[in-house]
């Protein structure tokens, strides 16, 4: 018999939730997952870095985002919107502009 468990993983300020299969109903409370992430995986401090750390690190490393070509605010906003609409990033719509504005501060162009 297969049991299902709702799990929450938390790391670097990001939280991921989902349903996983457990070996048996008794194993649900006993199974533990440990995740070790590389040290220093955070966005540079600044207005909006908390949002980027909370919502973007769930799928991307900070370094991957930082190494992207510099984009304008409009381009970053389109990228963040795409992450929500196409890839299902659990990002509140009211945070899209704040994150785009933050990304422009260290990886933007006019």
PDB file of N, CA and C in Angstrom:
ATOM      1  N   UNK A   1       0.841  -1.177   0.000  1.00  0.00           N
ATOM      2  CA  UNK A   1       0.000   0.000   0.000  1.00  0.00           C
ATOM      3  C   UNK A   1       0.886   1.241   0.000  1.00  0.00           C
ATOM      4  N   UNK A   2       0.562   2.208  -0.802  1.00  0.00           N
ATOM      5  CA  UNK A   2       1.343   3.433  -0.902  1.00  0.00           C
ATOM      6  C   UNK A   2       0.614   4.551  -0.171  1.00  0.00           C
ATOM      7  N   UNK A   3       1.337   5.280   0.629  1.00  0.00           N
ATOM      8  CA  UNK A   3       0.770   6.414   1.358  1.00  0.00           C
ATOM      9  C   UNK A   3       1.354   7.692   0.777  1.00  0.00           C
ATOM     10  N   UNK A   4       0.667   8.782   0.996  1.00  0.00           N
ATOM     11  CA  UNK A   4       1.130  10.074   0.493  1.00  0.00           C
ATOM     12  C   UNK A   4       1.335  11.007   1.674  1.00  0.00           C
ATOM     13  N   UNK A   5       2.337  11.850   1.554  1.00  0.00           N
ATOM     14  CA  UNK A   5       2.633  12.793   2.629  1.00  0.00           C
ATOM     15  C   UNK A   5       2.855  14.169   2.033  1.00  0.00           C
ATOM     16  N   UNK A   6       2.388  15.186   2.718  1.00  0.00           N
ATOM     17  CA  UNK A   6       2.617  16.574   2.330  1.00  0.00           C
ATOM     18  C   UNK A   6       3.899  17.015   3.028  1.00  0.00           C
ATOM     19  N   UNK A   7       4.874  17.489   2.263  1.00  0.00           N
ATOM     20  CA  UNK A   7       6.155  17.879   2.845  1.00  0.00           C
ATOM     21  C   UNK A   7       6.448  19.336   2.563  1.00  0.00           C
ATOM     22  N   UNK A   8       7.210  19.934   3.426  1.00  0.00           N
ATOM     23  CA  UNK A   8       7.683  21.298   3.244  1.00  0.00           C
ATOM     24  C   UNK A   8       9.191  21.280   3.424  1.00  0.00           C
ATOM     25  N   UNK A   9       9.918  21.781   2.428  1.00  0.00           N
ATOM     26  CA  UNK A   9      11.365  21.915   2.509  1.00  0.00           C
ATOM     27  C   UNK A   9      11.686  23.391   2.597  1.00  0.00           C
ATOM     28  N   UNK A  10      12.597  23.757   3.443  1.00  0.00           N
ATOM     29  CA  UNK A  10      12.974  25.147   3.617  1.00  0.00           C
ATOM     30  C   UNK A  10      14.481  25.262   3.517  1.00  0.00           C
ATOM     31  N   UNK A  11      14.967  26.197   2.693  1.00  0.00           N
ATOM     32  CA  UNK A  11      16.397  26.423   2.557  1.00  0.00           C
ATOM     33  C   UNK A  11      16.633  27.810   1.991  1.00  0.00           C
ATOM     34  N   UNK A  12      17.665  28.443   2.459  1.00  0.00           N
ATOM     35  CA  UNK A  12      18.083  29.766   1.987  1.00  0.00           C
ATOM     36  C   UNK A  12      16.918  30.741   1.902  1.00  0.00           C
ATOM     37  N   UNK A  13      15.993  30.662   2.818  1.00  0.00           N
ATOM     38  CA  UNK A  13      14.863  31.580   2.820  1.00  0.00           C
ATOM     39  C   UNK A  13      13.743  31.168   1.883  1.00  0.00           C
ATOM     40  N   UNK A  14      13.950  30.112   1.074  1.00  0.00           N
ATOM     41  CA  UNK A  14      12.921  29.662   0.149  1.00  0.00           C
ATOM     42  C   UNK A  14      12.196  28.475   0.766  1.00  0.00           C
ATOM     43  N   UNK A  15      10.957  28.327   0.420  1.00  0.00           N
ATOM     44  CA  UNK A  15      10.175  27.209   0.928  1.00  0.00           C
ATOM     45  C   UNK A  15       9.514  26.521  -0.257  1.00  0.00           C
ATOM     46  N   UNK A  16       9.644  25.196  -0.312  1.00  0.00           N
ATOM     47  CA  UNK A  16       8.995  24.411  -1.356  1.00  0.00           C
ATOM     48  C   UNK A  16       8.089  23.404  -0.677  1.00  0.00           C
ATOM     49  N   UNK A  17       6.898  23.225  -1.216  1.00  0.00           N
ATOM     50  CA  UNK A  17       5.979  22.250  -0.654  1.00  0.00           C
ATOM     51  C   UNK A  17       5.507  21.324  -1.758  1.00  0.00           C
ATOM     52  N   UNK A  18       5.087  20.130  -1.378  1.00  0.00           N
ATOM     53  CA  UNK A  18       4.576  19.198  -2.365  1.00  0.00           C
ATOM     54  C   UNK A  18       4.180  17.894  -1.724  1.00  0.00           C
ATOM     55  N   UNK A  19       3.646  17.012  -2.544  1.00  0.00           N
ATOM     56  CA  UNK A  19       3.202  15.710  -2.085  1.00  0.00           C
ATOM     57  C   UNK A  19       4.215  14.675  -2.558  1.00  0.00           C
ATOM     58  N   UNK A  20       4.587  13.770  -1.668  1.00  0.00           N
ATOM     59  CA  UNK A  20       5.515  12.702  -2.025  1.00  0.00           C
ATOM     60  C   UNK A  20       4.918  11.362  -1.604  1.00  0.00           C
ATOM     61  N   UNK A  21       5.355  10.315  -2.288  1.00  0.00           N
ATOM     62  CA  UNK A  21       4.923   8.971  -1.932  1.00  0.00           C
ATOM     63  C   UNK A  21       5.772   8.470  -0.781  1.00  0.00           C
ATOM     64  N   UNK A  22       5.156   7.852   0.187  1.00  0.00           N
ATOM     65  CA  UNK A  22       5.865   7.258   1.313  1.00  0.00           C
ATOM     66  C   UNK A  22       5.768   5.741   1.185  1.00  0.00           C
ATOM     67  N   UNK A  23       6.684   5.035   1.823  1.00  0.00           N
ATOM     68  CA  UNK A  23       6.717   3.576   1.729  1.00  0.00           C
ATOM     69  C   UNK A  23       5.471   2.946   2.352  1.00  0.00           C
ATOM     70  N   UNK A  24       5.036   3.474   3.451  1.00  0.00           N
ATOM     71  CA  UNK A  24       3.842   2.964   4.123  1.00  0.00           C
ATOM     72  C   UNK A  24       3.302   4.070   5.007  1.00  0.00           C
ATOM     73  N   UNK A  25       2.050   3.974   5.447  1.00  0.00           N
ATOM     74  CA  UNK A  25       1.510   5.022   6.318  1.00  0.00           C
ATOM     75  C   UNK A  25       2.360   5.243   7.555  1.00  0.00           C
ATOM     76  N   UNK A  26       2.954   4.196   8.106  1.00  0.00           N
ATOM     77  CA  UNK A  26       3.768   4.335   9.320  1.00  0.00           C
ATOM     78  C   UNK A  26       5.061   5.094   9.043  1.00  0.00           C
ATOM     79  N   UNK A  27       5.559   5.074   7.795  1.00  0.00           N
ATOM     80  CA  UNK A  27       6.841   5.714   7.495  1.00  0.00           C
ATOM     81  C   UNK A  27       6.711   7.208   7.243  1.00  0.00           C
ATOM     82  N   UNK A  28       5.495   7.702   7.109  1.00  0.00           N
ATOM     83  CA  UNK A  28       5.305   9.110   6.792  1.00  0.00           C
ATOM     84  C   UNK A  28       5.976  10.014   7.824  1.00  0.00           C
ATOM     85  N   UNK A  29       5.765   9.759   9.084  1.00  0.00           N
ATOM     86  CA  UNK A  29       6.319  10.618  10.133  1.00  0.00           C
ATOM     87  C   UNK A  29       7.795  10.335  10.381  1.00  0.00           C
ATOM     88  N   UNK A  30       8.322   9.222   9.884  1.00  0.00           N
ATOM     89  CA  UNK A  30       9.684   8.827  10.184  1.00  0.00           C
ATOM     90  C   UNK A  30      10.681   9.217   9.100  1.00  0.00           C
ATOM     91  N   UNK A  31      10.251   9.368   7.863  1.00  0.00           N
ATOM     92  CA  UNK A  31      11.170   9.693   6.780  1.00  0.00           C
ATOM     93  C   UNK A  31      11.635  11.139   6.903  1.00  0.00           C
ATOM     94  N   UNK A  32      12.934  11.345   6.791  1.00  0.00           N
ATOM     95  CA  UNK A  32      13.510  12.679   6.880  1.00  0.00           C
ATOM     96  C   UNK A  32      14.396  12.910   5.667  1.00  0.00           C
ATOM     97  N   UNK A  33      14.311  14.090   5.112  1.00  0.00           N
ATOM     98  CA  UNK A  33      15.155  14.460   3.985  1.00  0.00           C
ATOM     99  C   UNK A  33      16.066  15.582   4.442  1.00  0.00           C
ATOM    100  N   UNK A  34      17.346  15.427   4.214  1.00  0.00           N
ATOM    101  CA  UNK A  34      18.312  16.471   4.536  1.00  0.00           C
ATOM    102  C   UNK A  34      18.873  17.009   3.221  1.00  0.00           C
ATOM    103  N   UNK A  35      18.909  18.311   3.086  1.00  0.00           N
ATOM    104  CA  UNK A  35      19.424  18.944   1.877  1.00  0.00           C
ATOM    105  C   UNK A  35      20.581  19.842   2.268  1.00  0.00           C
ATOM    106  N   UNK A  36      21.715  19.659   1.608  1.00  0.00           N
ATOM    107  CA  UNK A  36      22.873  20.524   1.843  1.00  0.00           C
ATOM    108  C   UNK A  36      23.104  21.361   0.598  1.00  0.00           C
ATOM    109  N   UNK A  37      23.063  22.652   0.764  1.00  0.00           N
ATOM    110  CA  UNK A  37      23.291  23.562  -0.353  1.00  0.00           C
ATOM    111  C   UNK A  37      24.663  24.189  -0.227  1.00  0.00           C
ATOM    112  N   UNK A  38      25.244  24.587  -1.358  1.00  0.00           N
ATOM    113  CA  UNK A  38      26.551  25.251  -1.286  1.00  0.00           C
ATOM    114  C   UNK A  38      26.452  26.529  -0.461  1.00  0.00           C
ATOM    115  N   UNK A  39      27.490  26.839   0.257  1.00  0.00           N
ATOM    116  CA  UNK A  39      27.518  28.068   1.060  1.00  0.00           C
ATOM    117  C   UNK A  39      27.520  29.277   0.137  1.00  0.00           C
ATOM    118  N   UNK A  40      26.930  30.343   0.608  1.00  0.00           N
ATOM    119  CA  UNK A  40      26.985  31.596  -0.137  1.00  0.00           C
ATOM    120  C   UNK A  40      26.020  31.698  -1.299  1.00  0.00           C
ATOM    121  N   UNK A  41      25.003  30.853  -1.352  1.00  0.00           N
ATOM    122  CA  UNK A  41      24.039  30.935  -2.444  1.00  0.00           C
ATOM    123  C   UNK A  41      22.942  31.921  -2.068  1.00  0.00           C
ATOM    124  N   UNK A  42      23.256  33.187  -2.228  1.00  0.00           N
ATOM    125  CA  UNK A  42      22.285  34.240  -1.937  1.00  0.00           C
ATOM    126  C   UNK A  42      22.555  35.409  -2.867  1.00  0.00           C
ATOM    127  N   UNK A  43      21.515  36.183  -3.110  1.00  0.00           N
ATOM    128  CA  UNK A  43      21.666  37.362  -3.951  1.00  0.00           C
ATOM    129  C   UNK A  43      22.334  38.477  -3.161  1.00  0.00           C
ATOM    130  N   UNK A  44      23.037  39.386  -3.860  1.00  0.00           N
ATOM    131  CA  UNK A  44      23.652  40.523  -3.168  1.00  0.00           C
ATOM    132  C   UNK A  44      22.596  41.324  -2.399  1.00  0.00           C
ATOM    133  N   UNK A  45      22.970  41.813  -1.230  1.00  0.00           N
ATOM    134  CA  UNK A  45      22.057  42.588  -0.390  1.00  0.00           C
ATOM    135  C   UNK A  45      21.601  43.856  -1.113  1.00  0.00           C
ATOM    136  N   UNK A  46      20.350  44.190  -0.926  1.00  0.00           N
ATOM    137  CA  UNK A  46      19.785  45.407  -1.494  1.00  0.00           C
ATOM    138  C   UNK A  46      18.279  45.341  -1.420  1.00  0.00           C
ATOM    139  N   UNK A  47      17.619  46.464  -1.711  1.00  0.00           N
ATOM    140  CA  UNK A  47      16.159  46.467  -1.704  1.00  0.00           C
ATOM    141  C   UNK A  47      15.606  45.447  -2.700  1.00  0.00           C
ATOM    142  N   UNK A  48      14.921  44.448  -2.210  1.00  0.00           N
ATOM    143  CA  UNK A  48      14.365  43.398  -3.063  1.00  0.00           C
ATOM    144  C   UNK A  48      15.124  42.087  -2.992  1.00  0.00           C
ATOM    145  N   UNK A  49      16.310  42.089  -2.370  1.00  0.00           N
ATOM    146  CA  UNK A  49      17.088  40.842  -2.305  1.00  0.00           C
ATOM    147  C   UNK A  49      16.351  39.777  -1.496  1.00  0.00           C
ATOM    148  N   UNK A  50      15.592  40.208  -0.488  1.00  0.00           N
ATOM    149  CA  UNK A  50      14.835  39.237   0.302  1.00  0.00           C
ATOM    150  C   UNK A  50      13.806  38.507  -0.562  1.00  0.00           C
ATOM    151  N   UNK A  51      13.151  39.227  -1.477  1.00  0.00           N
ATOM    152  CA  UNK A  51      12.189  38.593  -2.387  1.00  0.00           C
ATOM    153  C   UNK A  51      12.890  37.637  -3.342  1.00  0.00           C
ATOM    154  N   UNK A  52      14.024  38.061  -3.889  1.00  0.00           N
ATOM    155  CA  UNK A  52      14.764  37.195  -4.810  1.00  0.00           C
ATOM    156  C   UNK A  52      15.246  35.936  -4.086  1.00  0.00           C
ATOM    157  N   UNK A  53      15.772  36.102  -2.885  1.00  0.00           N
ATOM    158  CA  UNK A  53      16.227  34.943  -2.118  1.00  0.00           C
ATOM    159  C   UNK A  53      15.075  34.012  -1.782  1.00  0.00           C
ATOM    160  N   UNK A  54      13.930  34.568  -1.464  1.00  0.00           N
ATOM    161  CA  UNK A  54      12.778  33.760  -1.076  1.00  0.00           C
ATOM    162  C   UNK A  54      12.159  33.021  -2.262  1.00  0.00           C
ATOM    163  N   UNK A  55      12.062  33.689  -3.414  1.00  0.00           N
ATOM    164  CA  UNK A  55      11.308  33.115  -4.522  1.00  0.00           C
ATOM    165  C   UNK A  55      12.154  32.550  -5.655  1.00  0.00           C
ATOM    166  N   UNK A  56      13.343  33.061  -5.879  1.00  0.00           N
ATOM    167  CA  UNK A  56      14.124  32.643  -7.045  1.00  0.00           C
ATOM    168  C   UNK A  56      15.052  31.470  -6.755  1.00  0.00           C
ATOM    169  N   UNK A  57      15.564  31.399  -5.521  1.00  0.00           N
ATOM    170  CA  UNK A  57      16.519  30.339  -5.180  1.00  0.00           C
ATOM    171  C   UNK A  57      15.878  28.963  -5.128  1.00  0.00           C
ATOM    172  N   UNK A  58      14.563  28.923  -5.179  1.00  0.00           N
ATOM    173  CA  UNK A  58      13.854  27.653  -5.196  1.00  0.00           C
ATOM    174  C   UNK A  58      14.237  26.848  -6.447  1.00  0.00           C
ATOM    175  N   UNK A  59      14.495  27.553  -7.542  1.00  0.00           N
ATOM    176  CA  UNK A  59      14.794  26.878  -8.816  1.00  0.00           C
ATOM    177  C   UNK A  59      16.165  27.238  -9.371  1.00  0.00           C
ATOM    178  N   UNK A  60      16.674  28.417  -9.046  1.00  0.00           N
ATOM    179  CA  UNK A  60      17.925  28.912  -9.624  1.00  0.00           C
ATOM    180  C   UNK A  60      18.948  29.191  -8.538  1.00  0.00           C
ATOM    181  N   UNK A  61      20.217  29.059  -8.888  1.00  0.00           N
ATOM    182  CA  UNK A  61      21.251  29.568  -7.984  1.00  0.00           C
ATOM    183  C   UNK A  61      21.354  31.072  -8.234  1.00  0.00           C
ATOM    184  N   UNK A  62      21.808  31.795  -7.238  1.00  0.00           N
ATOM    185  CA  UNK A  62      22.008  33.237  -7.416  1.00  0.00           C
ATOM    186  C   UNK A  62      23.022  33.474  -8.527  1.00  0.00           C
ATOM    187  N   UNK A  63      24.073  32.660  -8.557  1.00  0.00           N
ATOM    188  CA  UNK A  63      25.115  32.814  -9.584  1.00  0.00           C
ATOM    189  C   UNK A  63      24.577  32.671 -10.989  1.00  0.00           C
ATOM    190  N   UNK A  64      23.646  31.750 -11.202  1.00  0.00           N
ATOM    191  CA  UNK A  64      23.080  31.577 -12.544  1.00  0.00           C
ATOM    192  C   UNK A  64      22.363  32.841 -12.991  1.00  0.00           C
ATOM    193  N   UNK A  65      21.637  33.458 -12.087  1.00  0.00           N
ATOM    194  CA  UNK A  65      20.911  34.679 -12.434  1.00  0.00           C
ATOM    195  C   UNK A  65      21.890  35.829 -12.641  1.00  0.00           C
ATOM    196  N   UNK A  66      22.874  35.930 -11.771  1.00  0.00           N
ATOM    197  CA  UNK A  66      23.851  37.022 -11.846  1.00  0.00           C
ATOM    198  C   UNK A  66      24.662  36.957 -13.138  1.00  0.00           C
ATOM    199  N   UNK A  67      24.908  35.761 -13.655  1.00  0.00           N
ATOM    200  CA  UNK A  67      25.704  35.603 -14.878  1.00  0.00           C
ATOM    201  C   UNK A  67      24.918  35.850 -16.161  1.00  0.00           C
ATOM    202  N   UNK A  68      23.627  36.135 -16.061  1.00  0.00           N
ATOM    203  CA  UNK A  68      22.840  36.425 -17.262  1.00  0.00           C
ATOM    204  C   UNK A  68      23.284  37.753 -17.864  1.00  0.00           C
ATOM    205  N   UNK A  69      23.073  37.930 -19.165  1.00  0.00           N
ATOM    206  CA  UNK A  69      23.392  39.238 -19.754  1.00  0.00           C
ATOM    207  C   UNK A  69      22.564  40.328 -19.086  1.00  0.00           C
ATOM    208  N   UNK A  70      23.119  41.528 -18.969  1.00  0.00           N
ATOM    209  CA  UNK A  70      22.360  42.641 -18.367  1.00  0.00           C
ATOM    210  C   UNK A  70      21.081  42.913 -19.172  1.00  0.00           C
ATOM    211  N   UNK A  71      19.981  43.071 -18.466  1.00  0.00           N
ATOM    212  CA  UNK A  71      18.687  43.335 -19.100  1.00  0.00           C
ATOM    213  C   UNK A  71      18.112  44.641 -18.587  1.00  0.00           C
ATOM    214  N   UNK A  72      17.223  45.215 -19.363  1.00  0.00           N
ATOM    215  CA  UNK A  72      16.505  46.418 -18.930  1.00  0.00           C
ATOM    216  C   UNK A  72      15.439  46.007 -17.923  1.00  0.00           C
ATOM    217  N   UNK A  73      14.853  46.996 -17.266  1.00  0.00           N
ATOM    218  CA  UNK A  73      13.759  46.721 -16.333  1.00  0.00           C
ATOM    219  C   UNK A  73      12.620  45.988 -17.046  1.00  0.00           C
ATOM    220  N   UNK A  74      12.268  46.455 -18.238  1.00  0.00           N
ATOM    221  CA  UNK A  74      11.170  45.834 -18.994  1.00  0.00           C
ATOM    222  C   UNK A  74      11.506  44.371 -19.305  1.00  0.00           C
ATOM    223  N   UNK A  75      12.763  44.108 -19.684  1.00  0.00           N
ATOM    224  CA  UNK A  75      13.172  42.735 -19.995  1.00  0.00           C
ATOM    225  C   UNK A  75      13.169  41.854 -18.746  1.00  0.00           C
ATOM    226  N   UNK A  76      13.686  42.368 -17.606  1.00  0.00           N
ATOM    227  CA  UNK A  76      13.676  41.587 -16.368  1.00  0.00           C
ATOM    228  C   UNK A  76      12.241  41.317 -15.926  1.00  0.00           C
ATOM    229  N   UNK A  77      11.377  42.313 -16.064  1.00  0.00           N
ATOM    230  CA  UNK A  77       9.979  42.126 -15.683  1.00  0.00           C
ATOM    231  C   UNK A  77       9.343  41.022 -16.534  1.00  0.00           C
ATOM    232  N   UNK A  78       9.661  41.004 -17.833  1.00  0.00           N
ATOM    233  CA  UNK A  78       9.138  39.952 -18.714  1.00  0.00           C
ATOM    234  C   UNK A  78       9.679  38.577 -18.295  1.00  0.00           C
ATOM    235  N   UNK A  79      10.950  38.509 -17.912  1.00  0.00           N
ATOM    236  CA  UNK A  79      11.544  37.243 -17.470  1.00  0.00           C
ATOM    237  C   UNK A  79      10.879  36.737 -16.193  1.00  0.00           C
ATOM    238  N   UNK A  80      10.698  37.619 -15.230  1.00  0.00           N
ATOM    239  CA  UNK A  80      10.077  37.224 -13.964  1.00  0.00           C
ATOM    240  C   UNK A  80       8.621  36.821 -14.198  1.00  0.00           C
ATOM    241  N   UNK A  81       7.926  37.559 -15.036  1.00  0.00           N
ATOM    242  CA  UNK A  81       6.541  37.218 -15.384  1.00  0.00           C
ATOM    243  C   UNK A  81       6.482  35.844 -16.037  1.00  0.00           C
ATOM    244  N   UNK A  82       7.440  35.562 -16.923  1.00  0.00           N
ATOM    245  CA  UNK A  82       7.500  34.248 -17.574  1.00  0.00           C
ATOM    246  C   UNK A  82       7.705  33.143 -16.540  1.00  0.00           C
ATOM    247  N   UNK A  83       8.536  33.385 -15.546  1.00  0.00           N
ATOM    248  CA  UNK A  83       8.761  32.374 -14.513  1.00  0.00           C
ATOM    249  C   UNK A  83       7.453  32.024 -13.801  1.00  0.00           C
ATOM    250  N   UNK A  84       6.597  33.029 -13.595  1.00  0.00           N
ATOM    251  CA  UNK A  84       5.292  32.793 -12.962  1.00  0.00           C
ATOM    252  C   UNK A  84       4.338  32.080 -13.919  1.00  0.00           C
ATOM    253  N   UNK A  85       4.185  32.656 -15.110  1.00  0.00           N
ATOM    254  CA  UNK A  85       3.145  32.202 -16.030  1.00  0.00           C
ATOM    255  C   UNK A  85       3.474  30.880 -16.725  1.00  0.00           C
ATOM    256  N   UNK A  86       4.714  30.718 -17.144  1.00  0.00           N
ATOM    257  CA  UNK A  86       5.077  29.538 -17.921  1.00  0.00           C
ATOM    258  C   UNK A  86       5.587  28.403 -17.041  1.00  0.00           C
ATOM    259  N   UNK A  87       6.432  28.744 -16.063  1.00  0.00           N
ATOM    260  CA  UNK A  87       7.072  27.709 -15.250  1.00  0.00           C
ATOM    261  C   UNK A  87       6.426  27.506 -13.882  1.00  0.00           C
ATOM    262  N   UNK A  88       5.408  28.295 -13.573  1.00  0.00           N
ATOM    263  CA  UNK A  88       4.664  28.093 -12.336  1.00  0.00           C
ATOM    264  C   UNK A  88       5.373  28.515 -11.068  1.00  0.00           C
ATOM    265  N   UNK A  89       6.282  29.466 -11.162  1.00  0.00           N
ATOM    266  CA  UNK A  89       6.962  29.941  -9.951  1.00  0.00           C
ATOM    267  C   UNK A  89       5.928  30.485  -8.974  1.00  0.00           C
ATOM    268  N   UNK A  90       5.978  30.050  -7.716  1.00  0.00           N
ATOM    269  CA  UNK A  90       4.995  30.507  -6.729  1.00  0.00           C
ATOM    270  C   UNK A  90       5.330  31.901  -6.219  1.00  0.00           C
ATOM    271  N   UNK A  91       5.232  32.849  -7.094  1.00  0.00           N
ATOM    272  CA  UNK A  91       5.595  34.236  -6.827  1.00  0.00           C
ATOM    273  C   UNK A  91       4.341  35.095  -6.886  1.00  0.00           C
ATOM    274  N   UNK A  92       4.049  35.863  -5.840  1.00  0.00           N
ATOM    275  CA  UNK A  92       2.860  36.728  -5.879  1.00  0.00           C
ATOM    276  C   UNK A  92       2.987  37.750  -7.020  1.00  0.00           C
ATOM    277  N   UNK A  93       1.919  37.985  -7.751  1.00  0.00           N
ATOM    278  CA  UNK A  93       1.990  38.921  -8.878  1.00  0.00           C
ATOM    279  C   UNK A  93       2.452  40.313  -8.461  1.00  0.00           C
ATOM    280  N   UNK A  94       2.134  40.725  -7.227  1.00  0.00           N
ATOM    281  CA  UNK A  94       2.538  42.066  -6.789  1.00  0.00           C
ATOM    282  C   UNK A  94       4.042  42.160  -6.515  1.00  0.00           C
ATOM    283  N   UNK A  95       4.767  41.053  -6.552  1.00  0.00           N
ATOM    284  CA  UNK A  95       6.218  41.065  -6.323  1.00  0.00           C
ATOM    285  C   UNK A  95       7.032  41.107  -7.612  1.00  0.00           C
ATOM    286  N   UNK A  96       6.386  40.927  -8.751  1.00  0.00           N
ATOM    287  CA  UNK A  96       7.102  40.855 -10.032  1.00  0.00           C
ATOM    288  C   UNK A  96       7.929  42.114 -10.276  1.00  0.00           C
ATOM    289  N   UNK A  97       7.323  43.286 -10.160  1.00  0.00           N
ATOM    290  CA  UNK A  97       8.046  44.530 -10.426  1.00  0.00           C
ATOM    291  C   UNK A  97       9.152  44.771  -9.406  1.00  0.00           C
ATOM    292  N   UNK A  98       8.914  44.424  -8.157  1.00  0.00           N
ATOM    293  CA  UNK A  98       9.938  44.615  -7.125  1.00  0.00           C
ATOM    294  C   UNK A  98      11.170  43.758  -7.411  1.00  0.00           C
ATOM    295  N   UNK A  99      10.951  42.514  -7.824  1.00  0.00           N
ATOM    296  CA  UNK A  99      12.088  41.646  -8.146  1.00  0.00           C
ATOM    297  C   UNK A  99      12.794  42.139  -9.395  1.00  0.00           C
ATOM    298  N   UNK A 100      12.045  42.542 -10.414  1.00  0.00           N
ATOM    299  CA  UNK A 100      12.665  43.069 -11.640  1.00  0.00           C
ATOM    300  C   UNK A 100      13.481  44.311 -11.331  1.00  0.00           C
ATOM    301  N   UNK A 101      12.948  45.184 -10.504  1.00  0.00           N
ATOM    302  CA  UNK A 101      13.663  46.408 -10.116  1.00  0.00           C
ATOM    303  C   UNK A 101      14.961  46.049  -9.389  1.00  0.00           C
ATOM    304  N   UNK A 102      14.891  45.054  -8.510  1.00  0.00           N
ATOM    305  CA  UNK A 102      16.088  44.607  -7.790  1.00  0.00           C
ATOM    306  C   UNK A 102      17.123  44.040  -8.767  1.00  0.00           C
ATOM    307  N   UNK A 103      16.698  43.190  -9.695  1.00  0.00           N
ATOM    308  CA  UNK A 103      17.639  42.573 -10.636  1.00  0.00           C
ATOM    309  C   UNK A 103      18.352  43.607 -11.495  1.00  0.00           C
ATOM    310  N   UNK A 104      17.675  44.681 -11.821  1.00  0.00           N
ATOM    311  CA  UNK A 104      18.300  45.752 -12.613  1.00  0.00           C
ATOM    312  C   UNK A 104      19.413  46.433 -11.822  1.00  0.00           C
ATOM    313  N   UNK A 105      19.312  46.473 -10.486  1.00  0.00           N
ATOM    314  CA  UNK A 105      20.313  47.199  -9.696  1.00  0.00           C
ATOM    315  C   UNK A 105      21.705  46.603  -9.812  1.00  0.00           C
ATOM    316  N   UNK A 106      21.817  45.295 -10.037  1.00  0.00           N
ATOM    317  CA  UNK A 106      23.156  44.726 -10.162  1.00  0.00           C
ATOM    318  C   UNK A 106      23.392  44.032 -11.496  1.00  0.00           C
ATOM    319  N   UNK A 107      22.353  43.851 -12.290  1.00  0.00           N
ATOM    320  CA  UNK A 107      22.524  43.197 -13.576  1.00  0.00           C
ATOM    321  C   UNK A 107      21.577  43.809 -14.602  1.00  0.00           C
ATOM    322  N   UNK A 108      21.635  45.130 -14.701  1.00  0.00           N
ATOM    323  CA  UNK A 108      20.724  45.809 -15.610  1.00  0.00           C
ATOM    324  C   UNK A 108      21.432  46.726 -16.575  1.00  0.00           C
ATOM    325  N   UNK A 109      20.682  47.139 -17.542  1.00  0.00           N
ATOM    326  CA  UNK A 109      21.170  48.150 -18.484  1.00  0.00           C
ATOM    327  C   UNK A 109      20.034  49.134 -18.738  1.00  0.00           C
ATOM    328  N   UNK A 110      20.400  50.310 -19.140  1.00  0.00           N
ATOM    329  CA  UNK A 110      19.355  51.338 -19.368  1.00  0.00           C
ATOM    330  C   UNK A 110      18.418  50.987 -20.498  1.00  0.00           C
TER     331      UNK A 110
END
